[in-house]
Structure formats: C-alpha cells, structure tokens
C-alpha cells in the first residue's frame, strides 16, 4: 500500500519543523501552542457541541413549523 502524497508532505513538514526546533518535545509543544493561539479567532471549538458537533443544532433549526402548517423534515 502506498502512502498518499498529502500525508508524505505533512510528515515532511512536521519533521522539518521539529528539526528547526532541535527535536525538543517541550519547545515543539510551545511552538504549536503559539501557532494555535495566533489562529484562535479563525477556528471553531466544537467541544461544547456534543457528540455530533453542530448537527444537533442544524436538526433543531430544520424541524421548525412552516407558515402553512406542518413542519420541515429534519435531515442528517
């Protein structure tokens, strides 16, 4: 079985970053924490969304009464 090219690229870049930091686990964790903090405003935290992420909310919204009666079907 061959490794997909995207995985090879991810592994290559991860190794390159680790090498630049001297393969020090503590410094590597700090590096990734800094990156994570710098993009925090562009990420969504699904930890509080339950086991299905945002699906529950989408189903609740989809299953609302329609103006002419009845309700829309809740889909997954």
PDB file of N, CA and C in Angstrom:
ATOM      1  N   UNK A   1       0.845  -1.180   0.000  1.00  0.00           N
ATOM      2  CA  UNK A   1       0.000   0.000   0.000  1.00  0.00           C
ATOM      3  C   UNK A   1       0.889   1.242   0.000  1.00  0.00           C
ATOM      4  N   UNK A   2       0.597   2.182  -0.841  1.00  0.00           N
ATOM      5  CA  UNK A   2       1.395   3.404  -0.929  1.00  0.00           C
ATOM      6  C   UNK A   2       0.783   4.498  -0.059  1.00  0.00           C
ATOM      7  N   UNK A   3       1.640   5.359   0.415  1.00  0.00           N
ATOM      8  CA  UNK A   3       1.201   6.493   1.226  1.00  0.00           C
ATOM      9  C   UNK A   3       0.752   7.619   0.307  1.00  0.00           C
ATOM     10  N   UNK A   4      -0.433   8.183   0.580  1.00  0.00           N
ATOM     11  CA  UNK A   4      -0.890   9.305  -0.258  1.00  0.00           C
ATOM     12  C   UNK A   4       0.108  10.467  -0.202  1.00  0.00           C
ATOM     13  N   UNK A   5       0.294  11.162  -1.313  1.00  0.00           N
ATOM     14  CA  UNK A   5       1.268  12.266  -1.361  1.00  0.00           C
ATOM     15  C   UNK A   5       1.014  13.347  -0.304  1.00  0.00           C
ATOM     16  N   UNK A   6      -0.244  13.623   0.009  1.00  0.00           N
ATOM     17  CA  UNK A   6      -0.524  14.671   1.001  1.00  0.00           C
ATOM     18  C   UNK A   6       0.009  14.273   2.372  1.00  0.00           C
ATOM     19  N   UNK A   7      -0.087  12.981   2.718  1.00  0.00           N
ATOM     20  CA  UNK A   7       0.452  12.535   4.007  1.00  0.00           C
ATOM     21  C   UNK A   7       1.972  12.615   4.024  1.00  0.00           C
ATOM     22  N   UNK A   8       2.589  12.277   2.908  1.00  0.00           N
ATOM     23  CA  UNK A   8       4.041  12.396   2.822  1.00  0.00           C
ATOM     24  C   UNK A   8       4.469  13.847   3.034  1.00  0.00           C
ATOM     25  N   UNK A   9       3.722  14.785   2.446  1.00  0.00           N
ATOM     26  CA  UNK A   9       4.036  16.206   2.593  1.00  0.00           C
ATOM     27  C   UNK A   9       3.843  16.671   4.030  1.00  0.00           C
ATOM     28  N   UNK A  10       2.763  16.257   4.662  1.00  0.00           N
ATOM     29  CA  UNK A  10       2.511  16.632   6.061  1.00  0.00           C
ATOM     30  C   UNK A  10       3.637  16.112   6.946  1.00  0.00           C
ATOM     31  N   UNK A  11       4.015  14.874   6.757  1.00  0.00           N
ATOM     32  CA  UNK A  11       5.091  14.286   7.567  1.00  0.00           C
ATOM     33  C   UNK A  11       6.420  14.999   7.317  1.00  0.00           C
ATOM     34  N   UNK A  12       6.688  15.346   6.060  1.00  0.00           N
ATOM     35  CA  UNK A  12       7.928  16.050   5.733  1.00  0.00           C
ATOM     36  C   UNK A  12       7.978  17.401   6.434  1.00  0.00           C
ATOM     37  N   UNK A  13       6.884  18.145   6.388  1.00  0.00           N
ATOM     38  CA  UNK A  13       6.841  19.468   7.005  1.00  0.00           C
ATOM     39  C   UNK A  13       6.931  19.347   8.530  1.00  0.00           C
ATOM     40  N   UNK A  14       6.233  18.381   9.115  1.00  0.00           N
ATOM     41  CA  UNK A  14       6.320  18.191  10.569  1.00  0.00           C
ATOM     42  C   UNK A  14       7.755  17.877  10.994  1.00  0.00           C
ATOM     43  N   UNK A  15       8.430  17.030  10.228  1.00  0.00           N
ATOM     44  CA  UNK A  15       9.813  16.697  10.548  1.00  0.00           C
ATOM     45  C   UNK A  15      10.716  17.929  10.399  1.00  0.00           C
ATOM     46  N   UNK A  16      10.460  18.724   9.371  1.00  0.00           N
ATOM     47  CA  UNK A  16      11.248  19.943   9.146  1.00  0.00           C
ATOM     48  C   UNK A  16      11.079  20.921  10.317  1.00  0.00           C
ATOM     49  N   UNK A  17       9.850  21.102  10.763  1.00  0.00           N
ATOM     50  CA  UNK A  17       9.588  21.994  11.905  1.00  0.00           C
ATOM     51  C   UNK A  17      10.273  21.451  13.151  1.00  0.00           C
ATOM     52  N   UNK A  18      10.164  20.163  13.384  1.00  0.00           N
ATOM     53  CA  UNK A  18      10.797  19.548  14.550  1.00  0.00           C
ATOM     54  C   UNK A  18      12.315  19.713  14.508  1.00  0.00           C
ATOM     55  N   UNK A  19      12.890  19.553  13.331  1.00  0.00           N
ATOM     56  CA  UNK A  19      14.344  19.702  13.190  1.00  0.00           C
ATOM     57  C   UNK A  19      14.779  21.128  13.498  1.00  0.00           C
ATOM     58  N   UNK A  20      13.991  22.108  13.040  1.00  0.00           N
ATOM     59  CA  UNK A  20      14.333  23.509  13.305  1.00  0.00           C
ATOM     60  C   UNK A  20      14.332  23.814  14.802  1.00  0.00           C
ATOM     61  N   UNK A  21      13.534  23.093  15.553  1.00  0.00           N
ATOM     62  CA  UNK A  21      13.418  23.323  16.995  1.00  0.00           C
ATOM     63  C   UNK A  21      14.355  22.389  17.770  1.00  0.00           C
ATOM     64  N   UNK A  22      15.086  21.564  17.062  1.00  0.00           N
ATOM     65  CA  UNK A  22      16.037  20.676  17.713  1.00  0.00           C
ATOM     66  C   UNK A  22      15.402  19.410  18.256  1.00  0.00           C
ATOM     67  N   UNK A  23      14.246  19.028  17.729  1.00  0.00           N
ATOM     68  CA  UNK A  23      13.520  17.825  18.143  1.00  0.00           C
ATOM     69  C   UNK A  23      13.260  17.802  19.651  1.00  0.00           C
ATOM     70  N   UNK A  24      13.101  18.976  20.246  1.00  0.00           N
ATOM     71  CA  UNK A  24      12.826  19.101  21.686  1.00  0.00           C
ATOM     72  C   UNK A  24      11.312  19.104  21.886  1.00  0.00           C
ATOM     73  N   UNK A  25      10.745  18.078  22.545  1.00  0.00           N
ATOM     74  CA  UNK A  25       9.290  17.984  22.702  1.00  0.00           C
ATOM     75  C   UNK A  25       8.665  19.199  23.402  1.00  0.00           C
ATOM     76  N   UNK A  26       9.344  19.725  24.419  1.00  0.00           N
ATOM     77  CA  UNK A  26       8.793  20.876  25.137  1.00  0.00           C
ATOM     78  C   UNK A  26       8.726  22.105  24.223  1.00  0.00           C
ATOM     79  N   UNK A  27       9.798  22.371  23.486  1.00  0.00           N
ATOM     80  CA  UNK A  27       9.813  23.522  22.575  1.00  0.00           C
ATOM     81  C   UNK A  27       8.833  23.324  21.423  1.00  0.00           C
ATOM     82  N   UNK A  28       8.678  22.067  20.984  1.00  0.00           N
ATOM     83  CA  UNK A  28       7.739  21.771  19.907  1.00  0.00           C
ATOM     84  C   UNK A  28       6.308  22.039  20.365  1.00  0.00           C
ATOM     85  N   UNK A  29       5.958  21.650  21.585  1.00  0.00           N
ATOM     86  CA  UNK A  29       4.635  21.922  22.135  1.00  0.00           C
ATOM     87  C   UNK A  29       4.405  23.425  22.237  1.00  0.00           C
ATOM     88  N   UNK A  30       5.398  24.147  22.701  1.00  0.00           N
ATOM     89  CA  UNK A  30       5.286  25.605  22.814  1.00  0.00           C
ATOM     90  C   UNK A  30       5.096  26.248  21.439  1.00  0.00           C
ATOM     91  N   UNK A  31       5.814  25.734  20.449  1.00  0.00           N
ATOM     92  CA  UNK A  31       5.692  26.259  19.087  1.00  0.00           C
ATOM     93  C   UNK A  31       4.260  26.083  18.571  1.00  0.00           C
ATOM     94  N   UNK A  32       3.732  24.852  18.707  1.00  0.00           N
ATOM     95  CA  UNK A  32       2.375  24.600  18.218  1.00  0.00           C
ATOM     96  C   UNK A  32       1.332  25.362  19.034  1.00  0.00           C
ATOM     97  N   UNK A  33       1.552  25.553  20.328  1.00  0.00           N
ATOM     98  CA  UNK A  33       0.626  26.347  21.151  1.00  0.00           C
ATOM     99  C   UNK A  33       0.609  27.796  20.667  1.00  0.00           C
ATOM    100  N   UNK A  34       1.773  28.334  20.309  1.00  0.00           N
ATOM    101  CA  UNK A  34       1.853  29.698  19.787  1.00  0.00           C
ATOM    102  C   UNK A  34       1.085  29.819  18.471  1.00  0.00           C
ATOM    103  N   UNK A  35       1.260  28.839  17.585  1.00  0.00           N
ATOM    104  CA  UNK A  35       0.537  28.840  16.310  1.00  0.00           C
ATOM    105  C   UNK A  35      -0.969  28.762  16.571  1.00  0.00           C
ATOM    106  N   UNK A  36      -1.368  27.871  17.476  1.00  0.00           N
ATOM    107  CA  UNK A  36      -2.787  27.706  17.779  1.00  0.00           C
ATOM    108  C   UNK A  36      -3.382  29.013  18.311  1.00  0.00           C
ATOM    109  N   UNK A  37      -2.671  29.678  19.200  1.00  0.00           N
ATOM    110  CA  UNK A  37      -3.160  30.942  19.748  1.00  0.00           C
ATOM    111  C   UNK A  37      -3.252  32.024  18.679  1.00  0.00           C
ATOM    112  N   UNK A  38      -2.358  32.001  17.712  1.00  0.00           N
ATOM    113  CA  UNK A  38      -2.367  33.037  16.686  1.00  0.00           C
ATOM    114  C   UNK A  38      -3.534  32.889  15.712  1.00  0.00           C
ATOM    115  N   UNK A  39      -4.109  31.702  15.605  1.00  0.00           N
ATOM    116  CA  UNK A  39      -5.242  31.491  14.696  1.00  0.00           C
ATOM    117  C   UNK A  39      -6.553  31.235  15.447  1.00  0.00           C
ATOM    118  N   UNK A  40      -6.560  31.457  16.744  1.00  0.00           N
ATOM    119  CA  UNK A  40      -7.731  31.165  17.570  1.00  0.00           C
ATOM    120  C   UNK A  40      -8.993  31.848  17.040  1.00  0.00           C
ATOM    121  N   UNK A  41      -8.881  33.065  16.544  1.00  0.00           N
ATOM    122  CA  UNK A  41     -10.058  33.785  16.060  1.00  0.00           C
ATOM    123  C   UNK A  41     -10.619  33.184  14.773  1.00  0.00           C
ATOM    124  N   UNK A  42      -9.835  32.331  14.102  1.00  0.00           N
ATOM    125  CA  UNK A  42     -10.289  31.719  12.849  1.00  0.00           C
ATOM    126  C   UNK A  42     -10.723  30.271  13.014  1.00  0.00           C
ATOM    127  N   UNK A  43     -10.800  29.783  14.259  1.00  0.00           N
ATOM    128  CA  UNK A  43     -11.164  28.397  14.485  1.00  0.00           C
ATOM    129  C   UNK A  43     -12.488  28.299  15.223  1.00  0.00           C
ATOM    130  N   UNK A  44     -13.129  27.136  15.143  1.00  0.00           N
ATOM    131  CA  UNK A  44     -14.388  26.873  15.817  1.00  0.00           C
ATOM    132  C   UNK A  44     -14.156  25.770  16.830  1.00  0.00           C
ATOM    133  N   UNK A  45     -14.573  25.988  18.078  1.00  0.00           N
ATOM    134  CA  UNK A  45     -14.439  24.989  19.120  1.00  0.00           C
ATOM    135  C   UNK A  45     -15.708  24.152  19.158  1.00  0.00           C
ATOM    136  N   UNK A  46     -15.619  22.900  18.767  1.00  0.00           N
ATOM    137  CA  UNK A  46     -16.778  22.014  18.764  1.00  0.00           C
ATOM    138  C   UNK A  46     -16.887  21.194  20.046  1.00  0.00           C
ATOM    139  N   UNK A  47     -16.020  21.453  21.017  1.00  0.00           N
ATOM    140  CA  UNK A  47     -16.023  20.672  22.253  1.00  0.00           C
ATOM    141  C   UNK A  47     -17.355  20.768  22.983  1.00  0.00           C
ATOM    142  N   UNK A  48     -18.031  21.892  22.930  1.00  0.00           N
ATOM    143  CA  UNK A  48     -19.288  22.086  23.639  1.00  0.00           C
ATOM    144  C   UNK A  48     -20.507  21.736  22.788  1.00  0.00           C
ATOM    145  N   UNK A  49     -20.296  21.204  21.611  1.00  0.00           N
ATOM    146  CA  UNK A  49     -21.397  20.950  20.687  1.00  0.00           C
ATOM    147  C   UNK A  49     -22.007  19.558  20.830  1.00  0.00           C
ATOM    148  N   UNK A  50     -21.461  18.705  21.679  1.00  0.00           N
ATOM    149  CA  UNK A  50     -21.997  17.358  21.824  1.00  0.00           C
ATOM    150  C   UNK A  50     -21.341  16.389  20.860  1.00  0.00           C
ATOM    151  N   UNK A  51     -21.787  15.130  20.880  1.00  0.00           N
ATOM    152  CA  UNK A  51     -21.126  14.091  20.091  1.00  0.00           C
ATOM    153  C   UNK A  51     -21.277  14.258  18.588  1.00  0.00           C
ATOM    154  N   UNK A  52     -22.241  15.029  18.125  1.00  0.00           N
ATOM    155  CA  UNK A  52     -22.454  15.185  16.696  1.00  0.00           C
ATOM    156  C   UNK A  52     -22.024  16.551  16.183  1.00  0.00           C
ATOM    157  N   UNK A  53     -21.212  17.250  16.961  1.00  0.00           N
ATOM    158  CA  UNK A  53     -20.768  18.566  16.539  1.00  0.00           C
ATOM    159  C   UNK A  53     -21.953  19.507  16.448  1.00  0.00           C
ATOM    160  N   UNK A  54     -22.126  20.173  15.332  1.00  0.00           N
ATOM    161  CA  UNK A  54     -23.207  21.148  15.166  1.00  0.00           C
ATOM    162  C   UNK A  54     -24.467  20.514  14.592  1.00  0.00           C
ATOM    163  N   UNK A  55     -24.446  19.204  14.356  1.00  0.00           N
ATOM    164  CA  UNK A  55     -25.579  18.532  13.745  1.00  0.00           C
ATOM    165  C   UNK A  55     -26.861  18.728  14.541  1.00  0.00           C
ATOM    166  N   UNK A  56     -26.784  18.619  15.862  1.00  0.00           N
ATOM    167  CA  UNK A  56     -27.977  18.737  16.687  1.00  0.00           C
ATOM    168  C   UNK A  56     -28.655  20.088  16.446  1.00  0.00           C
ATOM    169  N   UNK A  57     -27.872  21.146  16.448  1.00  0.00           N
ATOM    170  CA  UNK A  57     -28.424  22.479  16.226  1.00  0.00           C
ATOM    171  C   UNK A  57     -29.072  22.561  14.846  1.00  0.00           C
ATOM    172  N   UNK A  58     -28.441  22.001  13.843  1.00  0.00           N
ATOM    173  CA  UNK A  58     -28.981  22.061  12.491  1.00  0.00           C
ATOM    174  C   UNK A  58     -30.308  21.315  12.410  1.00  0.00           C
ATOM    175  N   UNK A  59     -30.416  20.182  13.088  1.00  0.00           N
ATOM    176  CA  UNK A  59     -31.662  19.427  13.081  1.00  0.00           C
ATOM    177  C   UNK A  59     -32.750  20.214  13.796  1.00  0.00           C
ATOM    178  N   UNK A  60     -32.420  20.825  14.921  1.00  0.00           N
ATOM    179  CA  UNK A  60     -33.413  21.603  15.658  1.00  0.00           C
ATOM    180  C   UNK A  60     -33.944  22.740  14.792  1.00  0.00           C
ATOM    181  N   UNK A  61     -33.077  23.402  14.058  1.00  0.00           N
ATOM    182  CA  UNK A  61     -33.488  24.502  13.200  1.00  0.00           C
ATOM    183  C   UNK A  61     -34.328  23.982  12.035  1.00  0.00           C
ATOM    184  N   UNK A  62     -33.955  22.845  11.467  1.00  0.00           N
ATOM    185  CA  UNK A  62     -34.662  22.301  10.313  1.00  0.00           C
ATOM    186  C   UNK A  62     -36.066  21.822  10.681  1.00  0.00           C
ATOM    187  N   UNK A  63     -36.286  21.409  11.913  1.00  0.00           N
ATOM    188  CA  UNK A  63     -37.575  20.863  12.315  1.00  0.00           C
ATOM    189  C   UNK A  63     -38.456  21.943  12.939  1.00  0.00           C
ATOM    190  N   UNK A  64     -38.618  23.047  12.229  1.00  0.00           N
ATOM    191  CA  UNK A  64     -39.434  24.161  12.705  1.00  0.00           C
ATOM    192  C   UNK A  64     -40.764  24.166  11.958  1.00  0.00           C
ATOM    193  N   UNK A  65     -41.836  24.659  12.603  1.00  0.00           N
ATOM    194  CA  UNK A  65     -43.131  24.733  11.915  1.00  0.00           C
ATOM    195  C   UNK A  65     -43.057  25.628  10.682  1.00  0.00           C
ATOM    196  N   UNK A  66     -43.769  25.248   9.663  1.00  0.00           N
ATOM    197  CA  UNK A  66     -43.861  26.053   8.449  1.00  0.00           C
ATOM    198  C   UNK A  66     -45.089  26.958   8.545  1.00  0.00           C
ATOM    199  N   UNK A  67     -45.079  28.107   7.853  1.00  0.00           N
ATOM    200  CA  UNK A  67     -46.203  29.039   7.934  1.00  0.00           C
ATOM    201  C   UNK A  67     -47.542  28.396   7.561  1.00  0.00           C
ATOM    202  N   UNK A  68     -47.549  27.457   6.604  1.00  0.00           N
ATOM    203  CA  UNK A  68     -48.805  26.842   6.175  1.00  0.00           C
ATOM    204  C   UNK A  68     -49.158  25.599   6.991  1.00  0.00           C
ATOM    205  N   UNK A  69     -48.468  25.385   8.089  1.00  0.00           N
ATOM    206  CA  UNK A  69     -48.728  24.207   8.926  1.00  0.00           C
ATOM    207  C   UNK A  69     -47.733  23.124   8.634  1.00  0.00           C
ATOM    208  N   UNK A  70     -47.716  22.122   9.441  1.00  0.00           N
ATOM    209  CA  UNK A  70     -46.758  21.041   9.279  1.00  0.00           C
ATOM    210  C   UNK A  70     -45.374  21.490   9.729  1.00  0.00           C
ATOM    211  N   UNK A  71     -44.379  20.752   9.390  1.00  0.00           N
ATOM    212  CA  UNK A  71     -43.010  21.132   9.718  1.00  0.00           C
ATOM    213  C   UNK A  71     -42.074  20.612   8.663  1.00  0.00           C
ATOM    214  N   UNK A  72     -40.903  21.215   8.624  1.00  0.00           N
ATOM    215  CA  UNK A  72     -39.908  20.746   7.662  1.00  0.00           C
ATOM    216  C   UNK A  72     -39.279  19.473   8.199  1.00  0.00           C
ATOM    217  N   UNK A  73     -38.858  18.622   7.305  1.00  0.00           N
ATOM    218  CA  UNK A  73     -38.236  17.376   7.743  1.00  0.00           C
ATOM    219  C   UNK A  73     -36.854  17.632   8.281  1.00  0.00           C
ATOM    220  N   UNK A  74     -36.531  16.991   9.382  1.00  0.00           N
ATOM    221  CA  UNK A  74     -35.184  17.072   9.929  1.00  0.00           C
ATOM    222  C   UNK A  74     -34.327  16.066   9.186  1.00  0.00           C
ATOM    223  N   UNK A  75     -33.273  16.545   8.579  1.00  0.00           N
ATOM    224  CA  UNK A  75     -32.404  15.654   7.802  1.00  0.00           C
ATOM    225  C   UNK A  75     -31.027  15.629   8.426  1.00  0.00           C
ATOM    226  N   UNK A  76     -30.305  14.609   8.119  1.00  0.00           N
ATOM    227  CA  UNK A  76     -28.927  14.494   8.612  1.00  0.00           C
ATOM    228  C   UNK A  76     -28.000  14.720   7.455  1.00  0.00           C
TER     229      UNK A  76
END
